[in-house]
Protein backbone atom coordinates (compact mmCIF):
# COMPACT_ATOMS: atom_id res chain seq x y z
CA UNK A 1 0.00 0.00 0.00
CA UNK A 2 1.14 3.55 -0.66
CA UNK A 3 0.02 7.08 0.04
CA UNK A 4 -0.13 9.71 -2.69
CA UNK A 5 0.14 13.48 -2.39
CA UNK A 6 -0.59 15.62 -5.45
CA UNK A 7 0.61 19.21 -4.95
CA UNK A 8 -0.94 20.67 -8.13
CA UNK A 9 -3.80 22.36 -6.24
CA UNK A 10 -1.57 24.14 -3.70
CA UNK A 11 1.59 24.74 -5.75
CA UNK A 12 1.63 28.48 -4.98
CA UNK A 13 0.85 28.28 -1.25
CA UNK A 14 4.13 27.55 0.53
CA UNK A 15 2.68 27.20 4.01
CA UNK A 16 0.12 24.64 2.80
CA UNK A 17 2.81 22.66 0.98
CA UNK A 18 4.89 22.24 4.15
CA UNK A 19 1.79 21.24 6.13
CA UNK A 20 0.68 18.74 3.47
CA UNK A 21 4.16 17.18 3.33
CA UNK A 22 4.38 16.97 7.11
CA UNK A 23 0.89 15.44 7.32
CA UNK A 24 1.56 12.76 4.70
CA UNK A 25 4.88 11.77 6.30
CA UNK A 26 3.24 11.48 9.73
CA UNK A 27 0.29 9.54 8.27
CA UNK A 28 2.68 7.06 6.65
CA UNK A 29 4.45 6.57 9.97
CA UNK A 30 1.20 6.22 11.93
CA UNK A 31 -0.25 3.68 9.48
CA UNK A 32 3.13 1.97 8.81
CA UNK A 33 2.86 2.57 5.07
CA UNK A 34 6.17 1.93 3.36
CA UNK A 35 5.80 4.21 0.32
CA UNK A 36 4.64 7.77 -0.23
CA UNK A 37 4.37 9.15 -3.76
CA UNK A 38 4.63 12.94 -3.98
CA UNK A 39 3.64 14.65 -7.22
CA UNK A 40 5.00 18.19 -7.49
CA UNK A 41 4.47 18.12 -11.26
CA UNK A 42 6.93 18.97 -13.99
CA UNK A 43 6.60 22.74 -14.47
CA UNK A 44 9.73 24.82 -13.88
CA UNK A 45 11.08 22.43 -11.25
CA UNK A 46 10.83 24.96 -8.41
CA UNK A 47 8.14 23.03 -6.54
CA UNK A 48 10.13 19.79 -6.82
CA UNK A 49 13.18 21.60 -5.40
CA UNK A 50 11.07 22.92 -2.52
CA UNK A 51 9.76 19.42 -1.76
CA UNK A 52 13.28 17.95 -1.79
CA UNK A 53 14.58 20.75 0.47
CA UNK A 54 11.73 20.02 2.89
CA UNK A 55 12.46 16.28 2.86
CA UNK A 56 16.17 16.89 3.48
CA UNK A 57 15.63 18.87 6.69
CA UNK A 58 17.40 16.90 9.44
CA UNK A 59 14.27 16.46 11.57
CA UNK A 60 12.29 15.16 8.57
CA UNK A 61 15.10 13.00 7.18
CA UNK A 62 15.13 11.00 10.42
CA UNK A 63 11.56 9.86 9.75
CA UNK A 64 12.09 8.03 6.44
CA UNK A 65 14.50 5.48 5.02
CA UNK A 66 15.29 6.87 1.56
CA UNK A 67 14.21 9.32 -1.11
CA UNK A 68 13.88 8.39 -4.78
CA UNK A 69 13.37 10.68 -7.76
CA UNK A 70 11.45 8.85 -10.47
CA UNK A 71 13.80 8.43 -13.42
CA UNK A 72 10.89 7.89 -15.82
CA UNK A 73 8.72 10.77 -14.62
CA UNK A 74 10.48 14.01 -13.62
CA UNK A 75 7.37 15.22 -11.76
CA UNK A 76 7.28 12.43 -9.17
CA UNK A 77 9.19 11.68 -5.95
CA UNK A 78 9.00 8.53 -3.83
CA UNK A 79 9.67 8.47 -0.09
CA UNK A 80 10.44 5.01 1.29
CA UNK A 81 9.96 4.00 4.92
CA UNK A 82 11.37 1.03 6.79
CA UNK A 83 9.29 -0.50 9.59
C-alpha atoms as a PDB file:
ATOM      1  CA  UNK A   1       0.000   0.000   0.000  1.00  0.00           C
ATOM      2  CA  UNK A   2       1.143   3.553  -0.655  1.00  0.00           C
ATOM      3  CA  UNK A   3       0.015   7.084   0.045  1.00  0.00           C
ATOM      4  CA  UNK A   4      -0.132   9.705  -2.689  1.00  0.00           C
ATOM      5  CA  UNK A   5       0.141  13.484  -2.386  1.00  0.00           C
ATOM      6  CA  UNK A   6      -0.588  15.623  -5.445  1.00  0.00           C
ATOM      7  CA  UNK A   7       0.607  19.212  -4.954  1.00  0.00           C
ATOM      8  CA  UNK A   8      -0.944  20.666  -8.126  1.00  0.00           C
ATOM      9  CA  UNK A   9      -3.801  22.361  -6.244  1.00  0.00           C
ATOM     10  CA  UNK A  10      -1.574  24.139  -3.701  1.00  0.00           C
ATOM     11  CA  UNK A  11       1.593  24.739  -5.751  1.00  0.00           C
ATOM     12  CA  UNK A  12       1.633  28.485  -4.978  1.00  0.00           C
ATOM     13  CA  UNK A  13       0.848  28.282  -1.247  1.00  0.00           C
ATOM     14  CA  UNK A  14       4.134  27.553   0.530  1.00  0.00           C
ATOM     15  CA  UNK A  15       2.680  27.202   4.014  1.00  0.00           C
ATOM     16  CA  UNK A  16       0.124  24.636   2.805  1.00  0.00           C
ATOM     17  CA  UNK A  17       2.810  22.658   0.975  1.00  0.00           C
ATOM     18  CA  UNK A  18       4.891  22.242   4.145  1.00  0.00           C
ATOM     19  CA  UNK A  19       1.787  21.241   6.125  1.00  0.00           C
ATOM     20  CA  UNK A  20       0.676  18.739   3.466  1.00  0.00           C
ATOM     21  CA  UNK A  21       4.155  17.179   3.327  1.00  0.00           C
ATOM     22  CA  UNK A  22       4.379  16.970   7.108  1.00  0.00           C
ATOM     23  CA  UNK A  23       0.890  15.445   7.323  1.00  0.00           C
ATOM     24  CA  UNK A  24       1.557  12.761   4.697  1.00  0.00           C
ATOM     25  CA  UNK A  25       4.885  11.771   6.303  1.00  0.00           C
ATOM     26  CA  UNK A  26       3.241  11.476   9.727  1.00  0.00           C
ATOM     27  CA  UNK A  27       0.293   9.545   8.273  1.00  0.00           C
ATOM     28  CA  UNK A  28       2.676   7.061   6.646  1.00  0.00           C
ATOM     29  CA  UNK A  29       4.450   6.572   9.970  1.00  0.00           C
ATOM     30  CA  UNK A  30       1.198   6.216  11.935  1.00  0.00           C
ATOM     31  CA  UNK A  31      -0.246   3.676   9.480  1.00  0.00           C
ATOM     32  CA  UNK A  32       3.126   1.974   8.811  1.00  0.00           C
ATOM     33  CA  UNK A  33       2.856   2.566   5.070  1.00  0.00           C
ATOM     34  CA  UNK A  34       6.170   1.933   3.355  1.00  0.00           C
ATOM     35  CA  UNK A  35       5.804   4.206   0.316  1.00  0.00           C
ATOM     36  CA  UNK A  36       4.642   7.772  -0.231  1.00  0.00           C
ATOM     37  CA  UNK A  37       4.372   9.152  -3.759  1.00  0.00           C
ATOM     38  CA  UNK A  38       4.626  12.936  -3.979  1.00  0.00           C
ATOM     39  CA  UNK A  39       3.642  14.654  -7.217  1.00  0.00           C
ATOM     40  CA  UNK A  40       4.997  18.185  -7.493  1.00  0.00           C
ATOM     41  CA  UNK A  41       4.468  18.120 -11.260  1.00  0.00           C
ATOM     42  CA  UNK A  42       6.927  18.971 -13.991  1.00  0.00           C
ATOM     43  CA  UNK A  43       6.599  22.736 -14.470  1.00  0.00           C
ATOM     44  CA  UNK A  44       9.729  24.823 -13.883  1.00  0.00           C
ATOM     45  CA  UNK A  45      11.083  22.433 -11.254  1.00  0.00           C
ATOM     46  CA  UNK A  46      10.833  24.957  -8.411  1.00  0.00           C
ATOM     47  CA  UNK A  47       8.140  23.028  -6.535  1.00  0.00           C
ATOM     48  CA  UNK A  48      10.131  19.794  -6.815  1.00  0.00           C
ATOM     49  CA  UNK A  49      13.179  21.598  -5.395  1.00  0.00           C
ATOM     50  CA  UNK A  50      11.069  22.916  -2.518  1.00  0.00           C
ATOM     51  CA  UNK A  51       9.763  19.416  -1.760  1.00  0.00           C
ATOM     52  CA  UNK A  52      13.276  17.948  -1.792  1.00  0.00           C
ATOM     53  CA  UNK A  53      14.578  20.752   0.465  1.00  0.00           C
ATOM     54  CA  UNK A  54      11.734  20.023   2.895  1.00  0.00           C
ATOM     55  CA  UNK A  55      12.460  16.284   2.863  1.00  0.00           C
ATOM     56  CA  UNK A  56      16.166  16.894   3.482  1.00  0.00           C
ATOM     57  CA  UNK A  57      15.626  18.869   6.687  1.00  0.00           C
ATOM     58  CA  UNK A  58      17.401  16.901   9.437  1.00  0.00           C
ATOM     59  CA  UNK A  59      14.267  16.458  11.572  1.00  0.00           C
ATOM     60  CA  UNK A  60      12.285  15.156   8.567  1.00  0.00           C
ATOM     61  CA  UNK A  61      15.102  13.003   7.182  1.00  0.00           C
ATOM     62  CA  UNK A  62      15.128  10.999  10.422  1.00  0.00           C
ATOM     63  CA  UNK A  63      11.561   9.858   9.749  1.00  0.00           C
ATOM     64  CA  UNK A  64      12.088   8.031   6.437  1.00  0.00           C
ATOM     65  CA  UNK A  65      14.496   5.479   5.016  1.00  0.00           C
ATOM     66  CA  UNK A  66      15.288   6.868   1.558  1.00  0.00           C
ATOM     67  CA  UNK A  67      14.210   9.316  -1.109  1.00  0.00           C
ATOM     68  CA  UNK A  68      13.884   8.394  -4.784  1.00  0.00           C
ATOM     69  CA  UNK A  69      13.374  10.684  -7.755  1.00  0.00           C
ATOM     70  CA  UNK A  70      11.451   8.854 -10.466  1.00  0.00           C
ATOM     71  CA  UNK A  71      13.803   8.429 -13.423  1.00  0.00           C
ATOM     72  CA  UNK A  72      10.891   7.886 -15.819  1.00  0.00           C
ATOM     73  CA  UNK A  73       8.721  10.770 -14.618  1.00  0.00           C
ATOM     74  CA  UNK A  74      10.481  14.012 -13.622  1.00  0.00           C
ATOM     75  CA  UNK A  75       7.371  15.215 -11.764  1.00  0.00           C
ATOM     76  CA  UNK A  76       7.285  12.431  -9.171  1.00  0.00           C
ATOM     77  CA  UNK A  77       9.187  11.677  -5.947  1.00  0.00           C
ATOM     78  CA  UNK A  78       9.000   8.527  -3.834  1.00  0.00           C
ATOM     79  CA  UNK A  79       9.673   8.473  -0.089  1.00  0.00           C
ATOM     80  CA  UNK A  80      10.436   5.011   1.289  1.00  0.00           C
ATOM     81  CA  UNK A  81       9.956   3.998   4.922  1.00  0.00           C
ATOM     82  CA  UNK A  82      11.368   1.026   6.793  1.00  0.00           C
ATOM     83  CA  UNK A  83       9.294  -0.503   9.594  1.00  0.00           C
END
